[in-house]
């Protein structure tokens, strides 16, 4: 492939549906968990600030979010990465040969000839 046609210079071509490495998967899970728990902390701080500011309608929503976010954080942290990015295997019967036997065939005659 010529150099000018290749757009993704830094990324290797993926030819498999194998999952990412275990270390990369754990790092991604840790980032998701940290983000969710940071949002939970922000909900608690926001709820206290809203209560002190007299916003009686806002702080219950923030407290509810702070109570629900740990469950969501744990569920998201336990989700494993998968490789389903549109790469589909060909449908084929198992055991069916892909190539012929190599023996010469009779030429086809008639309207269905190739």
C-alpha atoms as a PDB file:
ATOM      1  CA  UNK A   1       0.000   0.000   0.000  1.00  0.00           C
ATOM      2  CA  UNK A   2       1.521   3.363  -0.932  1.00  0.00           C
ATOM      3  CA  UNK A   3       2.432   5.721   1.871  1.00  0.00           C
ATOM      4  CA  UNK A   4       0.076   8.508   0.781  1.00  0.00           C
ATOM      5  CA  UNK A   5      -2.984   6.203   0.889  1.00  0.00           C
ATOM      6  CA  UNK A   6      -2.377   5.096   4.443  1.00  0.00           C
ATOM      7  CA  UNK A   7      -4.128   7.395   6.912  1.00  0.00           C
ATOM      8  CA  UNK A   8      -3.544   5.589  10.208  1.00  0.00           C
ATOM      9  CA  UNK A   9       0.251   5.751  10.347  1.00  0.00           C
ATOM     10  CA  UNK A  10       0.548   5.117  14.078  1.00  0.00           C
ATOM     11  CA  UNK A  11      -1.977   2.287  14.383  1.00  0.00           C
ATOM     12  CA  UNK A  12      -1.356  -1.274  13.320  1.00  0.00           C
ATOM     13  CA  UNK A  13      -3.885  -3.132  11.219  1.00  0.00           C
ATOM     14  CA  UNK A  14      -5.993  -5.482  13.352  1.00  0.00           C
ATOM     15  CA  UNK A  15      -6.609  -8.870  11.787  1.00  0.00           C
ATOM     16  CA  UNK A  16      -8.124 -10.655  14.761  1.00  0.00           C
ATOM     17  CA  UNK A  17     -11.057 -10.388  17.118  1.00  0.00           C
ATOM     18  CA  UNK A  18      -8.845 -10.978  20.161  1.00  0.00           C
ATOM     19  CA  UNK A  19      -9.565  -8.796  23.156  1.00  0.00           C
ATOM     20  CA  UNK A  20      -7.177  -6.151  24.443  1.00  0.00           C
ATOM     21  CA  UNK A  21      -4.481  -7.112  26.906  1.00  0.00           C
ATOM     22  CA  UNK A  22      -5.448  -7.742  30.507  1.00  0.00           C
ATOM     23  CA  UNK A  23      -3.467  -4.727  31.747  1.00  0.00           C
ATOM     24  CA  UNK A  24      -5.154  -2.377  29.249  1.00  0.00           C
ATOM     25  CA  UNK A  25      -8.581  -3.757  30.182  1.00  0.00           C
ATOM     26  CA  UNK A  26      -7.947  -3.248  33.910  1.00  0.00           C
ATOM     27  CA  UNK A  27      -6.641   0.290  33.298  1.00  0.00           C
ATOM     28  CA  UNK A  28      -9.806   1.166  31.344  1.00  0.00           C
ATOM     29  CA  UNK A  29     -11.982  -0.257  34.127  1.00  0.00           C
ATOM     30  CA  UNK A  30     -10.091   1.742  36.739  1.00  0.00           C
ATOM     31  CA  UNK A  31     -10.558   4.954  34.750  1.00  0.00           C
ATOM     32  CA  UNK A  32     -14.327   4.336  34.448  1.00  0.00           C
ATOM     33  CA  UNK A  33     -14.599   3.617  38.187  1.00  0.00           C
ATOM     34  CA  UNK A  34     -12.567   6.697  39.117  1.00  0.00           C
ATOM     35  CA  UNK A  35     -14.697   8.900  36.867  1.00  0.00           C
ATOM     36  CA  UNK A  36     -17.949   7.551  38.334  1.00  0.00           C
ATOM     37  CA  UNK A  37     -16.784   7.943  41.921  1.00  0.00           C
ATOM     38  CA  UNK A  38     -15.495  11.463  41.220  1.00  0.00           C
ATOM     39  CA  UNK A  39     -18.936  12.338  39.887  1.00  0.00           C
ATOM     40  CA  UNK A  40     -20.434  10.878  43.082  1.00  0.00           C
ATOM     41  CA  UNK A  41     -18.194  13.068  45.219  1.00  0.00           C
ATOM     42  CA  UNK A  42     -19.199  16.088  43.159  1.00  0.00           C
ATOM     43  CA  UNK A  43     -22.867  15.182  43.771  1.00  0.00           C
ATOM     44  CA  UNK A  44     -22.298  15.151  47.540  1.00  0.00           C
ATOM     45  CA  UNK A  45     -20.469  18.486  47.496  1.00  0.00           C
ATOM     46  CA  UNK A  46     -23.130  19.947  45.189  1.00  0.00           C
ATOM     47  CA  UNK A  47     -25.906  18.707  47.467  1.00  0.00           C
ATOM     48  CA  UNK A  48     -24.349  20.405  50.495  1.00  0.00           C
ATOM     49  CA  UNK A  49     -23.789  23.624  48.517  1.00  0.00           C
ATOM     50  CA  UNK A  50     -27.373  23.523  47.183  1.00  0.00           C
ATOM     51  CA  UNK A  51     -28.796  22.971  50.664  1.00  0.00           C
ATOM     52  CA  UNK A  52     -26.772  25.874  52.081  1.00  0.00           C
ATOM     53  CA  UNK A  53     -27.823  28.097  49.162  1.00  0.00           C
ATOM     54  CA  UNK A  54     -31.479  27.364  49.795  1.00  0.00           C
ATOM     55  CA  UNK A  55     -32.118  25.390  46.595  1.00  0.00           C
ATOM     56  CA  UNK A  56     -34.516  22.930  48.183  1.00  0.00           C
ATOM     57  CA  UNK A  57     -35.482  21.346  44.861  1.00  0.00           C
ATOM     58  CA  UNK A  58     -31.885  20.515  43.756  1.00  0.00           C
ATOM     59  CA  UNK A  59     -30.209  18.805  46.686  1.00  0.00           C
ATOM     60  CA  UNK A  60     -32.542  15.749  46.775  1.00  0.00           C
ATOM     61  CA  UNK A  61     -31.656  14.973  43.139  1.00  0.00           C
ATOM     62  CA  UNK A  62     -27.958  15.276  43.891  1.00  0.00           C
ATOM     63  CA  UNK A  63     -28.249  13.015  46.942  1.00  0.00           C
ATOM     64  CA  UNK A  64     -30.167  10.443  44.871  1.00  0.00           C
ATOM     65  CA  UNK A  65     -27.443  10.578  42.227  1.00  0.00           C
ATOM     66  CA  UNK A  66     -24.783  10.123  44.895  1.00  0.00           C
ATOM     67  CA  UNK A  67     -26.623   7.069  46.232  1.00  0.00           C
ATOM     68  CA  UNK A  68     -27.097   5.425  42.814  1.00  0.00           C
ATOM     69  CA  UNK A  69     -23.656   6.143  41.341  1.00  0.00           C
ATOM     70  CA  UNK A  70     -21.713   3.537  43.403  1.00  0.00           C
ATOM     71  CA  UNK A  71     -23.862   0.764  41.921  1.00  0.00           C
ATOM     72  CA  UNK A  72     -23.351   2.117  38.405  1.00  0.00           C
ATOM     73  CA  UNK A  73     -19.611   2.506  39.031  1.00  0.00           C
ATOM     74  CA  UNK A  74     -19.247  -1.109  40.141  1.00  0.00           C
ATOM     75  CA  UNK A  75     -21.284  -2.437  37.226  1.00  0.00           C
ATOM     76  CA  UNK A  76     -19.247  -0.418  34.727  1.00  0.00           C
ATOM     77  CA  UNK A  77     -15.985  -1.487  36.372  1.00  0.00           C
ATOM     78  CA  UNK A  78     -16.928  -5.151  35.996  1.00  0.00           C
ATOM     79  CA  UNK A  79     -17.758  -4.949  32.279  1.00  0.00           C
ATOM     80  CA  UNK A  80     -15.062  -6.606  30.213  1.00  0.00           C
ATOM     81  CA  UNK A  81     -13.941  -5.103  26.945  1.00  0.00           C
ATOM     82  CA  UNK A  82     -14.991  -7.022  23.845  1.00  0.00           C
ATOM     83  CA  UNK A  83     -13.923  -6.832  20.226  1.00  0.00           C
ATOM     84  CA  UNK A  84     -17.165  -6.486  18.311  1.00  0.00           C
ATOM     85  CA  UNK A  85     -16.242  -3.588  16.071  1.00  0.00           C
ATOM     86  CA  UNK A  86     -17.993  -4.716  12.937  1.00  0.00           C
ATOM     87  CA  UNK A  87     -15.540  -7.466  12.074  1.00  0.00           C
ATOM     88  CA  UNK A  88     -17.687 -10.392  10.971  1.00  0.00           C
ATOM     89  CA  UNK A  89     -16.487 -13.842  10.092  1.00  0.00           C
ATOM     90  CA  UNK A  90     -17.675 -15.436   6.894  1.00  0.00           C
ATOM     91  CA  UNK A  91     -20.567 -17.819   7.128  1.00  0.00           C
ATOM     92  CA  UNK A  92     -19.335 -21.248   6.079  1.00  0.00           C
ATOM     93  CA  UNK A  93     -20.142 -24.828   6.940  1.00  0.00           C
ATOM     94  CA  UNK A  94     -17.516 -26.465   9.117  1.00  0.00           C
ATOM     95  CA  UNK A  95     -15.465 -29.001   7.248  1.00  0.00           C
ATOM     96  CA  UNK A  96     -16.315 -27.624   3.808  1.00  0.00           C
ATOM     97  CA  UNK A  97     -13.125 -27.283   1.757  1.00  0.00           C
ATOM     98  CA  UNK A  98     -12.274 -23.786   0.606  1.00  0.00           C
ATOM     99  CA  UNK A  99     -10.201 -24.930  -2.369  1.00  0.00           C
ATOM    100  CA  UNK A 100     -10.919 -27.664  -4.856  1.00  0.00           C
ATOM    101  CA  UNK A 101      -8.997 -30.913  -5.020  1.00  0.00           C
ATOM    102  CA  UNK A 102      -6.889 -29.676  -7.907  1.00  0.00           C
ATOM    103  CA  UNK A 103      -8.121 -32.418 -10.246  1.00  0.00           C
ATOM    104  CA  UNK A 104      -8.996 -31.202 -13.753  1.00  0.00           C
ATOM    105  CA  UNK A 105     -12.719 -30.730 -14.323  1.00  0.00           C
ATOM    106  CA  UNK A 106     -14.807 -31.275 -17.393  1.00  0.00           C
ATOM    107  CA  UNK A 107     -15.613 -27.995 -19.170  1.00  0.00           C
ATOM    108  CA  UNK A 108     -19.160 -26.839 -18.544  1.00  0.00           C
ATOM    109  CA  UNK A 109     -21.391 -26.617 -21.580  1.00  0.00           C
ATOM    110  CA  UNK A 110     -24.773 -24.957 -21.825  1.00  0.00           C
ATOM    111  CA  UNK A 111     -26.563 -21.866 -20.584  1.00  0.00           C
ATOM    112  CA  UNK A 112     -25.203 -22.217 -17.001  1.00  0.00           C
ATOM    113  CA  UNK A 113     -21.546 -22.322 -18.061  1.00  0.00           C
ATOM    114  CA  UNK A 114     -19.239 -19.770 -16.523  1.00  0.00           C
END
